[in-house]
Amino acid sequence: SQLKVTKDDQVVSEWLKDYEVNQQIVFDKVLLVATKDYTSLGRPFVESAKVYATVEEQTLSKKVIVFKKKRRKDYKKSRGHRQRITILRIDKIVHDIPEELLHRAIPLIP
């Protein structure tokens, strides 16, 4: 999934079973990196851009109630479901853009 993140953000994602609490994860498929000076779009991904995150918690989401009913048939069924989730903390975003590309950039505001 695509998420907009900044440093120290807390992100809830699907359950990542291969990672343990306090383990660091590196995401290298970054679609866009922006600063005050420039914005870098990937085609399809931004080269040399990485997002470092730490697993804070492996837990269950809030309970979702599934209720089924057929009227006038005396049929009612209620079930609860809790999805496994992983909570991540964004540690840092690393992006090294070559100096030659910065000079080739086109300013959006003249």
N, C-alpha and C. Protein backbone atom coordinates (compact mmCIF):
# COMPACT_ATOMS: atom_id res chain seq x y z
N SER A 1 0.83 -1.18 0.00
CA SER A 1 0.00 0.00 0.00
C SER A 1 0.87 1.25 0.00
N GLN A 2 0.32 2.36 -0.39
CA GLN A 2 1.04 3.62 -0.47
C GLN A 2 0.67 4.50 0.71
N LEU A 3 1.67 5.02 1.39
CA LEU A 3 1.45 5.87 2.54
C LEU A 3 2.35 7.09 2.45
N LYS A 4 1.85 8.21 2.92
CA LYS A 4 2.65 9.42 3.04
C LYS A 4 3.18 9.47 4.47
N VAL A 5 4.49 9.47 4.64
CA VAL A 5 5.08 9.43 5.97
C VAL A 5 6.14 10.51 6.12
N THR A 6 6.35 10.90 7.37
CA THR A 6 7.45 11.79 7.74
C THR A 6 8.16 11.16 8.93
N LYS A 7 9.25 11.77 9.34
CA LYS A 7 10.03 11.24 10.46
C LYS A 7 9.17 11.23 11.72
N ASP A 8 9.31 10.18 12.52
CA ASP A 8 8.60 9.97 13.78
C ASP A 8 7.11 9.71 13.62
N ASP A 9 6.64 9.39 12.43
CA ASP A 9 5.25 9.00 12.23
C ASP A 9 5.04 7.58 12.75
N GLN A 10 3.82 7.30 13.18
CA GLN A 10 3.45 5.96 13.58
C GLN A 10 2.50 5.42 12.53
N VAL A 11 2.82 4.26 11.95
CA VAL A 11 2.07 3.71 10.83
C VAL A 11 1.53 2.33 11.22
N VAL A 12 0.26 2.10 10.90
CA VAL A 12 -0.35 0.79 11.13
C VAL A 12 -0.41 0.07 9.79
N SER A 13 0.16 -1.12 9.73
CA SER A 13 0.17 -1.89 8.48
C SER A 13 -0.37 -3.29 8.74
N GLU A 14 -0.47 -4.04 7.66
CA GLU A 14 -0.84 -5.45 7.80
C GLU A 14 0.21 -6.17 8.62
N TRP A 15 -0.13 -7.34 9.11
CA TRP A 15 0.77 -8.10 9.95
C TRP A 15 2.00 -8.52 9.16
N LEU A 16 3.18 -8.15 9.66
CA LEU A 16 4.45 -8.55 9.07
C LEU A 16 5.03 -9.65 9.93
N LYS A 17 4.80 -10.90 9.54
CA LYS A 17 5.15 -12.02 10.39
C LYS A 17 6.65 -12.29 10.48
N ASP A 18 7.43 -11.78 9.53
CA ASP A 18 8.86 -12.06 9.52
C ASP A 18 9.67 -11.15 10.42
N TYR A 19 9.02 -10.17 11.06
CA TYR A 19 9.75 -9.18 11.86
C TYR A 19 9.29 -9.24 13.31
N GLU A 20 10.25 -8.95 14.21
CA GLU A 20 9.96 -8.96 15.64
C GLU A 20 9.96 -7.54 16.17
N VAL A 21 9.49 -7.36 17.39
CA VAL A 21 9.44 -6.05 18.01
C VAL A 21 10.86 -5.50 18.18
N ASN A 22 11.03 -4.21 17.92
CA ASN A 22 12.30 -3.47 17.97
C ASN A 22 13.26 -3.84 16.83
N GLN A 23 12.80 -4.54 15.84
CA GLN A 23 13.62 -4.84 14.67
C GLN A 23 13.42 -3.74 13.64
N GLN A 24 14.52 -3.36 12.96
CA GLN A 24 14.43 -2.29 11.97
C GLN A 24 14.15 -2.86 10.58
N ILE A 25 13.29 -2.16 9.84
CA ILE A 25 12.91 -2.56 8.48
C ILE A 25 13.32 -1.44 7.54
N VAL A 26 13.80 -1.82 6.35
CA VAL A 26 14.18 -0.84 5.34
C VAL A 26 13.24 -1.01 4.14
N PHE A 27 12.55 0.08 3.79
CA PHE A 27 11.70 0.09 2.61
C PHE A 27 12.45 0.84 1.52
N ASP A 28 12.75 0.15 0.41
CA ASP A 28 13.53 0.78 -0.66
C ASP A 28 12.70 1.08 -1.91
N LYS A 29 11.45 0.71 -1.91
CA LYS A 29 10.58 1.03 -3.04
C LYS A 29 9.80 2.30 -2.71
N VAL A 30 10.46 3.44 -2.87
CA VAL A 30 9.89 4.74 -2.54
C VAL A 30 9.43 5.40 -3.84
N LEU A 31 8.18 5.87 -3.85
CA LEU A 31 7.61 6.46 -5.06
C LEU A 31 7.90 7.94 -5.20
N LEU A 32 7.98 8.68 -4.09
CA LEU A 32 8.16 10.13 -4.14
C LEU A 32 8.88 10.59 -2.88
N VAL A 33 9.83 11.53 -3.05
CA VAL A 33 10.52 12.16 -1.93
C VAL A 33 10.43 13.66 -2.13
N ALA A 34 10.03 14.38 -1.08
CA ALA A 34 9.88 15.83 -1.19
C ALA A 34 10.56 16.52 -0.02
N THR A 35 11.20 17.65 -0.31
CA THR A 35 11.76 18.53 0.70
C THR A 35 11.28 19.94 0.40
N LYS A 36 11.77 20.91 1.16
CA LYS A 36 11.40 22.30 0.88
C LYS A 36 12.01 22.78 -0.43
N ASP A 37 13.13 22.21 -0.83
CA ASP A 37 13.86 22.67 -2.01
C ASP A 37 13.43 21.96 -3.29
N TYR A 38 13.11 20.69 -3.21
CA TYR A 38 12.82 19.93 -4.43
C TYR A 38 11.88 18.78 -4.13
N THR A 39 11.30 18.24 -5.20
CA THR A 39 10.48 17.04 -5.15
C THR A 39 11.02 16.07 -6.19
N SER A 40 11.23 14.84 -5.79
CA SER A 40 11.77 13.83 -6.68
C SER A 40 10.72 12.73 -6.90
N LEU A 41 10.31 12.56 -8.15
CA LEU A 41 9.34 11.53 -8.51
C LEU A 41 10.07 10.32 -9.05
N GLY A 42 9.60 9.14 -8.69
CA GLY A 42 10.21 7.92 -9.19
C GLY A 42 9.52 7.43 -10.44
N ARG A 43 10.29 6.73 -11.25
CA ARG A 43 9.75 6.13 -12.49
C ARG A 43 10.21 4.69 -12.58
N PRO A 44 9.67 3.74 -11.95
CA PRO A 44 8.56 3.79 -11.00
C PRO A 44 9.00 4.12 -9.57
N PHE A 45 10.28 3.91 -9.22
CA PHE A 45 10.74 4.17 -7.86
C PHE A 45 11.89 5.17 -7.88
N VAL A 46 12.06 5.88 -6.77
CA VAL A 46 13.15 6.84 -6.63
C VAL A 46 14.43 6.07 -6.29
N GLU A 47 15.45 6.27 -7.10
CA GLU A 47 16.74 5.61 -6.85
C GLU A 47 17.37 6.19 -5.59
N SER A 48 18.03 5.38 -4.82
CA SER A 48 18.78 5.74 -3.61
C SER A 48 17.91 6.37 -2.54
N ALA A 49 16.62 6.14 -2.55
CA ALA A 49 15.74 6.61 -1.48
C ALA A 49 15.31 5.42 -0.64
N LYS A 50 15.43 5.57 0.68
CA LYS A 50 15.07 4.49 1.59
C LYS A 50 14.36 5.07 2.80
N VAL A 51 13.43 4.29 3.32
CA VAL A 51 12.72 4.67 4.54
C VAL A 51 13.03 3.60 5.59
N TYR A 52 13.53 4.05 6.74
CA TYR A 52 13.87 3.15 7.83
C TYR A 52 12.78 3.23 8.89
N ALA A 53 12.26 2.06 9.29
CA ALA A 53 11.19 2.00 10.29
C ALA A 53 11.52 0.91 11.30
N THR A 54 10.99 1.09 12.51
CA THR A 54 11.18 0.12 13.57
C THR A 54 9.82 -0.45 13.97
N VAL A 55 9.78 -1.77 14.16
CA VAL A 55 8.54 -2.43 14.59
C VAL A 55 8.33 -2.10 16.06
N GLU A 56 7.21 -1.44 16.37
CA GLU A 56 6.92 -1.09 17.76
C GLU A 56 6.04 -2.13 18.43
N GLU A 57 5.12 -2.71 17.66
CA GLU A 57 4.16 -3.61 18.28
C GLU A 57 3.54 -4.54 17.24
N GLN A 58 3.34 -5.79 17.63
CA GLN A 58 2.57 -6.76 16.84
C GLN A 58 1.31 -7.04 17.65
N THR A 59 0.16 -6.65 17.15
CA THR A 59 -1.06 -6.73 17.95
C THR A 59 -2.27 -7.05 17.09
N LEU A 60 -3.43 -6.94 17.70
CA LEU A 60 -4.69 -7.16 17.00
C LEU A 60 -5.44 -5.84 16.89
N SER A 61 -6.17 -5.67 15.80
CA SER A 61 -6.94 -4.45 15.60
C SER A 61 -8.21 -4.48 16.46
N LYS A 62 -8.99 -3.41 16.36
CA LYS A 62 -10.27 -3.39 17.07
C LYS A 62 -11.19 -4.45 16.49
N LYS A 63 -12.10 -4.92 17.31
CA LYS A 63 -13.02 -5.97 16.87
C LYS A 63 -14.02 -5.41 15.87
N VAL A 64 -14.21 -6.15 14.78
CA VAL A 64 -15.20 -5.82 13.77
C VAL A 64 -16.34 -6.82 13.92
N ILE A 65 -17.54 -6.31 14.09
CA ILE A 65 -18.71 -7.17 14.27
C ILE A 65 -19.33 -7.45 12.90
N VAL A 66 -19.52 -8.73 12.59
CA VAL A 66 -20.18 -9.14 11.36
C VAL A 66 -21.55 -9.67 11.77
N PHE A 67 -22.59 -8.98 11.33
CA PHE A 67 -23.95 -9.35 11.71
C PHE A 67 -24.76 -9.68 10.46
N LYS A 68 -25.34 -10.88 10.43
CA LYS A 68 -26.15 -11.31 9.30
C LYS A 68 -27.57 -11.55 9.78
N LYS A 69 -28.53 -11.15 8.95
CA LYS A 69 -29.93 -11.32 9.32
C LYS A 69 -30.77 -11.50 8.07
N LYS A 70 -31.74 -12.41 8.15
CA LYS A 70 -32.74 -12.55 7.10
C LYS A 70 -34.09 -12.26 7.75
N ARG A 71 -34.73 -11.24 7.29
CA ARG A 71 -35.96 -10.81 7.95
C ARG A 71 -37.08 -11.83 7.78
N ARG A 72 -37.88 -11.92 8.80
CA ARG A 72 -39.05 -12.81 8.88
C ARG A 72 -38.69 -14.30 8.80
N LYS A 73 -37.43 -14.65 8.92
CA LYS A 73 -37.04 -16.06 8.85
C LYS A 73 -36.43 -16.54 10.17
N ASP A 74 -36.42 -15.67 11.18
CA ASP A 74 -35.84 -15.98 12.48
C ASP A 74 -34.38 -16.43 12.33
N TYR A 75 -33.65 -15.71 11.50
CA TYR A 75 -32.24 -16.03 11.26
C TYR A 75 -31.39 -14.82 11.62
N LYS A 76 -30.55 -14.97 12.61
CA LYS A 76 -29.60 -13.92 13.01
C LYS A 76 -28.29 -14.59 13.38
N LYS A 77 -27.20 -14.02 12.90
CA LYS A 77 -25.89 -14.56 13.21
C LYS A 77 -24.95 -13.39 13.47
N SER A 78 -24.22 -13.44 14.55
CA SER A 78 -23.28 -12.38 14.91
C SER A 78 -21.92 -13.00 15.16
N ARG A 79 -20.90 -12.42 14.54
CA ARG A 79 -19.53 -12.91 14.71
C ARG A 79 -18.61 -11.72 14.90
N GLY A 80 -17.53 -11.94 15.60
CA GLY A 80 -16.51 -10.91 15.78
C GLY A 80 -15.23 -11.33 15.09
N HIS A 81 -14.46 -10.34 14.65
CA HIS A 81 -13.21 -10.63 13.95
C HIS A 81 -12.18 -9.58 14.31
N ARG A 82 -10.96 -10.01 14.63
CA ARG A 82 -9.86 -9.09 14.91
C ARG A 82 -8.70 -9.43 13.98
N GLN A 83 -8.26 -8.43 13.22
CA GLN A 83 -7.18 -8.60 12.25
C GLN A 83 -5.83 -8.40 12.93
N ARG A 84 -4.83 -9.18 12.55
CA ARG A 84 -3.48 -8.97 13.06
C ARG A 84 -2.86 -7.76 12.36
N ILE A 85 -2.22 -6.88 13.14
CA ILE A 85 -1.60 -5.69 12.57
C ILE A 85 -0.21 -5.49 13.16
N THR A 86 0.59 -4.70 12.47
CA THR A 86 1.93 -4.31 12.92
C THR A 86 1.98 -2.80 12.99
N ILE A 87 2.47 -2.27 14.10
CA ILE A 87 2.62 -0.83 14.26
C ILE A 87 4.09 -0.49 14.08
N LEU A 88 4.36 0.43 13.14
CA LEU A 88 5.73 0.83 12.79
C LEU A 88 5.96 2.28 13.17
N ARG A 89 7.20 2.60 13.56
CA ARG A 89 7.63 3.97 13.81
C ARG A 89 8.67 4.32 12.76
N ILE A 90 8.46 5.42 12.02
CA ILE A 90 9.39 5.84 10.97
C ILE A 90 10.59 6.51 11.64
N ASP A 91 11.79 5.93 11.45
CA ASP A 91 13.00 6.45 12.07
C ASP A 91 13.63 7.56 11.24
N LYS A 92 13.85 7.26 9.96
CA LYS A 92 14.47 8.27 9.10
C LYS A 92 14.16 7.97 7.65
N ILE A 93 14.29 9.02 6.83
CA ILE A 93 14.11 8.91 5.39
C ILE A 93 15.40 9.40 4.75
N VAL A 94 16.05 8.52 4.01
CA VAL A 94 17.35 8.84 3.41
C VAL A 94 17.16 8.99 1.91
N HIS A 95 17.68 10.10 1.37
CA HIS A 95 17.59 10.34 -0.06
C HIS A 95 18.81 11.14 -0.50
N ASP A 96 19.61 10.55 -1.35
CA ASP A 96 20.79 11.22 -1.89
C ASP A 96 20.55 11.50 -3.36
N ILE A 97 20.39 12.77 -3.70
CA ILE A 97 20.18 13.14 -5.10
C ILE A 97 21.48 13.74 -5.63
N PRO A 98 21.93 13.31 -6.81
CA PRO A 98 23.16 13.87 -7.36
C PRO A 98 23.04 15.36 -7.64
N GLU A 99 24.14 16.07 -7.50
CA GLU A 99 24.16 17.53 -7.69
C GLU A 99 23.80 17.91 -9.12
N GLU A 100 24.18 17.08 -10.10
CA GLU A 100 23.89 17.38 -11.50
C GLU A 100 22.38 17.36 -11.79
N LEU A 101 21.64 16.49 -11.08
CA LEU A 101 20.20 16.46 -11.28
C LEU A 101 19.51 17.67 -10.66
N LEU A 102 20.08 18.21 -9.60
CA LEU A 102 19.50 19.40 -8.98
C LEU A 102 19.60 20.60 -9.91
N HIS A 103 20.69 20.69 -10.68
CA HIS A 103 20.87 21.81 -11.61
C HIS A 103 19.99 21.67 -12.84
N ARG A 104 19.62 20.43 -13.19
CA ARG A 104 18.75 20.19 -14.34
C ARG A 104 17.28 20.38 -14.01
N ALA A 105 16.96 20.51 -12.74
CA ALA A 105 15.56 20.59 -12.32
C ALA A 105 14.89 21.85 -12.86
N ILE A 106 13.62 21.71 -13.13
CA ILE A 106 12.82 22.82 -13.68
C ILE A 106 12.04 23.43 -12.52
N PRO A 107 12.19 24.72 -12.27
CA PRO A 107 11.41 25.34 -11.18
C PRO A 107 9.93 25.44 -11.56
N LEU A 108 9.08 25.12 -10.60
CA LEU A 108 7.65 25.17 -10.87
C LEU A 108 7.11 26.60 -10.76
N ILE A 109 7.70 27.40 -9.88
CA ILE A 109 7.28 28.78 -9.71
C ILE A 109 8.39 29.68 -10.25
N PRO A 110 8.11 30.52 -11.26
CA PRO A 110 9.18 31.36 -11.84
C PRO A 110 9.62 32.48 -10.92
